[in-house]
């Protein structure tokens, strides 16, 4: 009886997210993005074919723009340093700062601008396939 009570007390003190993930209780998980939609509200669709994931760190000096481009595959971004303004052709924008994450738009032309005073560093992860590029520049 005492053993059961001690086990219940110990289990109740474990961070539920960490326990569910199978990590030790000392591992902290701070989920900051969980979505089925891109930031413009479109549904995320994975391409068929042989799966390929790609990660990159993109750095833009202050005042620099990416140029208009699209991503034909799902793309997640984490702002590591600086401030980013993403704009769509229809005028919608999204501002992000260090620590922010977003699910990028898919097959939608957009442009990113470093609107801060320091270099912008973005960790980007693409969930594509071996046949598709991660980024396509707009003509």
C-alpha atoms as a PDB file:
ATOM      1  CA  UNK A   1       0.000   0.000   0.000  1.00  0.00           C
ATOM      2  CA  UNK A   2       2.778   2.422   0.932  1.00  0.00           C
ATOM      3  CA  UNK A   3       4.724   1.431  -2.201  1.00  0.00           C
ATOM      4  CA  UNK A   4       1.704   2.154  -4.396  1.00  0.00           C
ATOM      5  CA  UNK A   5       1.184   5.541  -2.743  1.00  0.00           C
ATOM      6  CA  UNK A   6       4.875   6.456  -3.235  1.00  0.00           C
ATOM      7  CA  UNK A   7       4.718   5.443  -6.906  1.00  0.00           C
ATOM      8  CA  UNK A   8       1.617   7.579  -7.445  1.00  0.00           C
ATOM      9  CA  UNK A   9       3.254  10.564  -5.737  1.00  0.00           C
ATOM     10  CA  UNK A  10       6.413  10.175  -7.857  1.00  0.00           C
ATOM     11  CA  UNK A  11       4.431   9.797 -11.085  1.00  0.00           C
ATOM     12  CA  UNK A  12       2.334  12.858 -10.321  1.00  0.00           C
ATOM     13  CA  UNK A  13       5.480  14.975  -9.912  1.00  0.00           C
ATOM     14  CA  UNK A  14       6.751  14.152 -13.418  1.00  0.00           C
ATOM     15  CA  UNK A  15       6.156  16.727 -16.132  1.00  0.00           C
ATOM     16  CA  UNK A  16       3.328  15.140 -18.198  1.00  0.00           C
ATOM     17  CA  UNK A  17       4.782  16.295 -21.529  1.00  0.00           C
ATOM     18  CA  UNK A  18       8.201  14.861 -20.720  1.00  0.00           C
ATOM     19  CA  UNK A  19       6.697  11.634 -19.416  1.00  0.00           C
ATOM     20  CA  UNK A  20       4.583  11.250 -22.542  1.00  0.00           C
ATOM     21  CA  UNK A  21       7.640  11.783 -24.721  1.00  0.00           C
ATOM     22  CA  UNK A  22       9.613   9.154 -22.801  1.00  0.00           C
ATOM     23  CA  UNK A  23      12.261  11.583 -21.590  1.00  0.00           C
ATOM     24  CA  UNK A  24      13.588  11.826 -18.066  1.00  0.00           C
ATOM     25  CA  UNK A  25      11.696  14.198 -15.807  1.00  0.00           C
ATOM     26  CA  UNK A  26      14.621  16.665 -15.886  1.00  0.00           C
ATOM     27  CA  UNK A  27      14.093  17.247 -19.627  1.00  0.00           C
ATOM     28  CA  UNK A  28      11.987  20.355 -20.240  1.00  0.00           C
ATOM     29  CA  UNK A  29       9.751  20.536 -23.301  1.00  0.00           C
ATOM     30  CA  UNK A  30       8.315  23.911 -24.300  1.00  0.00           C
ATOM     31  CA  UNK A  31       6.193  23.309 -27.374  1.00  0.00           C
ATOM     32  CA  UNK A  32       5.801  26.530 -29.340  1.00  0.00           C
ATOM     33  CA  UNK A  33       4.194  25.265 -32.546  1.00  0.00           C
ATOM     34  CA  UNK A  34       1.578  22.609 -33.177  1.00  0.00           C
ATOM     35  CA  UNK A  35      -0.578  23.191 -36.243  1.00  0.00           C
ATOM     36  CA  UNK A  36      -2.229  21.627 -39.267  1.00  0.00           C
ATOM     37  CA  UNK A  37      -2.157  24.941 -41.166  1.00  0.00           C
ATOM     38  CA  UNK A  38       0.427  27.332 -42.584  1.00  0.00           C
ATOM     39  CA  UNK A  39       0.517  30.881 -41.213  1.00  0.00           C
ATOM     40  CA  UNK A  40      -1.855  32.071 -43.958  1.00  0.00           C
ATOM     41  CA  UNK A  41      -4.437  29.424 -42.990  1.00  0.00           C
ATOM     42  CA  UNK A  42      -3.833  26.848 -45.754  1.00  0.00           C
ATOM     43  CA  UNK A  43      -3.753  23.145 -44.885  1.00  0.00           C
ATOM     44  CA  UNK A  44      -0.338  21.502 -44.719  1.00  0.00           C
ATOM     45  CA  UNK A  45      -0.010  18.759 -47.348  1.00  0.00           C
ATOM     46  CA  UNK A  46       3.006  16.457 -47.574  1.00  0.00           C
ATOM     47  CA  UNK A  47       4.234  15.465 -51.042  1.00  0.00           C
ATOM     48  CA  UNK A  48       4.246  11.821 -52.067  1.00  0.00           C
ATOM     49  CA  UNK A  49       7.399  10.032 -53.189  1.00  0.00           C
ATOM     50  CA  UNK A  50      10.611   9.211 -51.367  1.00  0.00           C
ATOM     51  CA  UNK A  51      10.654  11.346 -48.209  1.00  0.00           C
ATOM     52  CA  UNK A  52      13.502  13.798 -47.700  1.00  0.00           C
ATOM     53  CA  UNK A  53      13.940  16.218 -44.810  1.00  0.00           C
ATOM     54  CA  UNK A  54      16.328  19.163 -45.043  1.00  0.00           C
ATOM     55  CA  UNK A  55      17.518  21.601 -42.406  1.00  0.00           C
ATOM     56  CA  UNK A  56      19.355  24.878 -42.918  1.00  0.00           C
ATOM     57  CA  UNK A  57      20.326  28.054 -41.109  1.00  0.00           C
ATOM     58  CA  UNK A  58      19.653  31.128 -43.222  1.00  0.00           C
ATOM     59  CA  UNK A  59      21.384  34.419 -42.372  1.00  0.00           C
ATOM     60  CA  UNK A  60      20.301  37.801 -43.750  1.00  0.00           C
ATOM     61  CA  UNK A  61      22.213  41.008 -42.960  1.00  0.00           C
ATOM     62  CA  UNK A  62      20.133  43.992 -41.732  1.00  0.00           C
ATOM     63  CA  UNK A  63      17.948  45.426 -44.496  1.00  0.00           C
ATOM     64  CA  UNK A  64      18.344  42.371 -46.739  1.00  0.00           C
ATOM     65  CA  UNK A  65      15.441  40.590 -48.445  1.00  0.00           C
ATOM     66  CA  UNK A  66      15.179  36.963 -49.573  1.00  0.00           C
ATOM     67  CA  UNK A  67      13.501  37.893 -52.850  1.00  0.00           C
ATOM     68  CA  UNK A  68      10.131  36.494 -53.886  1.00  0.00           C
ATOM     69  CA  UNK A  69      10.062  32.716 -53.732  1.00  0.00           C
ATOM     70  CA  UNK A  70       7.860  29.687 -53.003  1.00  0.00           C
ATOM     71  CA  UNK A  71       8.260  26.443 -51.093  1.00  0.00           C
ATOM     72  CA  UNK A  72       6.645  23.453 -52.846  1.00  0.00           C
ATOM     73  CA  UNK A  73       7.040  21.422 -49.628  1.00  0.00           C
ATOM     74  CA  UNK A  74       6.077  22.012 -45.976  1.00  0.00           C
ATOM     75  CA  UNK A  75       8.587  24.239 -44.224  1.00  0.00           C
ATOM     76  CA  UNK A  76       8.966  25.139 -40.551  1.00  0.00           C
ATOM     77  CA  UNK A  77      11.051  28.083 -39.373  1.00  0.00           C
ATOM     78  CA  UNK A  78      12.480  29.103 -35.996  1.00  0.00           C
ATOM     79  CA  UNK A  79      13.846  32.629 -35.640  1.00  0.00           C
ATOM     80  CA  UNK A  80      17.163  32.293 -33.798  1.00  0.00           C
ATOM     81  CA  UNK A  81      18.229  35.973 -33.870  1.00  0.00           C
ATOM     82  CA  UNK A  82      16.834  39.214 -35.205  1.00  0.00           C
ATOM     83  CA  UNK A  83      13.481  40.297 -36.635  1.00  0.00           C
ATOM     84  CA  UNK A  84      11.737  39.061 -39.781  1.00  0.00           C
ATOM     85  CA  UNK A  85       8.864  40.460 -41.804  1.00  0.00           C
ATOM     86  CA  UNK A  86       7.291  37.994 -44.256  1.00  0.00           C
ATOM     87  CA  UNK A  87       4.971  39.460 -46.886  1.00  0.00           C
ATOM     88  CA  UNK A  88       2.562  37.932 -49.373  1.00  0.00           C
ATOM     89  CA  UNK A  89       1.619  39.425 -52.763  1.00  0.00           C
ATOM     90  CA  UNK A  90      -1.881  40.192 -51.442  1.00  0.00           C
ATOM     91  CA  UNK A  91      -0.413  42.487 -48.755  1.00  0.00           C
ATOM     92  CA  UNK A  92      -0.717  40.178 -45.725  1.00  0.00           C
ATOM     93  CA  UNK A  93       2.348  40.197 -43.476  1.00  0.00           C
ATOM     94  CA  UNK A  94       3.731  38.312 -40.510  1.00  0.00           C
ATOM     95  CA  UNK A  95       6.331  39.763 -38.100  1.00  0.00           C
ATOM     96  CA  UNK A  96       8.564  37.420 -36.127  1.00  0.00           C
ATOM     97  CA  UNK A  97      11.345  37.859 -33.579  1.00  0.00           C
ATOM     98  CA  UNK A  98      13.899  35.574 -31.934  1.00  0.00           C
ATOM     99  CA  UNK A  99      12.158  32.534 -30.425  1.00  0.00           C
ATOM    100  CA  UNK A 100       9.119  32.677 -32.732  1.00  0.00           C
ATOM    101  CA  UNK A 101       8.218  29.778 -35.014  1.00  0.00           C
ATOM    102  CA  UNK A 102       5.922  29.422 -37.988  1.00  0.00           C
ATOM    103  CA  UNK A 103       4.711  26.962 -40.570  1.00  0.00           C
ATOM    104  CA  UNK A 104       5.628  28.658 -43.846  1.00  0.00           C
ATOM    105  CA  UNK A 105       3.212  29.089 -46.721  1.00  0.00           C
ATOM    106  CA  UNK A 106       3.288  26.335 -49.362  1.00  0.00           C
ATOM    107  CA  UNK A 107       3.276  27.144 -53.109  1.00  0.00           C
ATOM    108  CA  UNK A 108       2.542  30.787 -52.288  1.00  0.00           C
ATOM    109  CA  UNK A 109       4.944  33.540 -53.388  1.00  0.00           C
ATOM    110  CA  UNK A 110       6.377  35.414 -50.412  1.00  0.00           C
ATOM    111  CA  UNK A 111       9.321  37.628 -49.501  1.00  0.00           C
ATOM    112  CA  UNK A 112      11.249  37.826 -46.244  1.00  0.00           C
ATOM    113  CA  UNK A 113      12.918  40.998 -44.946  1.00  0.00           C
ATOM    114  CA  UNK A 114      15.338  41.524 -42.083  1.00  0.00           C
ATOM    115  CA  UNK A 115      13.710  44.507 -40.387  1.00  0.00           C
ATOM    116  CA  UNK A 116      16.090  44.513 -37.415  1.00  0.00           C
ATOM    117  CA  UNK A 117      19.482  46.066 -36.733  1.00  0.00           C
ATOM    118  CA  UNK A 118      21.360  42.746 -36.357  1.00  0.00           C
ATOM    119  CA  UNK A 119      21.845  39.788 -38.703  1.00  0.00           C
ATOM    120  CA  UNK A 120      18.718  37.651 -38.937  1.00  0.00           C
ATOM    121  CA  UNK A 121      19.310  33.931 -38.343  1.00  0.00           C
ATOM    122  CA  UNK A 122      16.546  31.471 -39.153  1.00  0.00           C
ATOM    123  CA  UNK A 123      16.645  27.695 -38.647  1.00  0.00           C
ATOM    124  CA  UNK A 124      14.500  26.221 -41.420  1.00  0.00           C
ATOM    125  CA  UNK A 125      13.328  22.608 -41.791  1.00  0.00           C
ATOM    126  CA  UNK A 126      11.732  21.268 -44.969  1.00  0.00           C
ATOM    127  CA  UNK A 127       9.645  18.058 -45.176  1.00  0.00           C
ATOM    128  CA  UNK A 128       9.773  17.212 -48.860  1.00  0.00           C
ATOM    129  CA  UNK A 129      10.803  14.431 -51.177  1.00  0.00           C
ATOM    130  CA  UNK A 130      13.796  13.592 -53.348  1.00  0.00           C
ATOM    131  CA  UNK A 131      12.117  14.978 -56.495  1.00  0.00           C
ATOM    132  CA  UNK A 132      11.188  18.482 -55.309  1.00  0.00           C
ATOM    133  CA  UNK A 133      13.335  21.519 -54.536  1.00  0.00           C
ATOM    134  CA  UNK A 134      12.833  23.119 -51.118  1.00  0.00           C
ATOM    135  CA  UNK A 135      12.723  26.646 -52.551  1.00  0.00           C
ATOM    136  CA  UNK A 136      11.878  28.031 -55.995  1.00  0.00           C
ATOM    137  CA  UNK A 137      12.657  31.653 -56.877  1.00  0.00           C
ATOM    138  CA  UNK A 138       9.840  33.567 -58.554  1.00  0.00           C
ATOM    139  CA  UNK A 139      10.538  34.969 -62.038  1.00  0.00           C
END
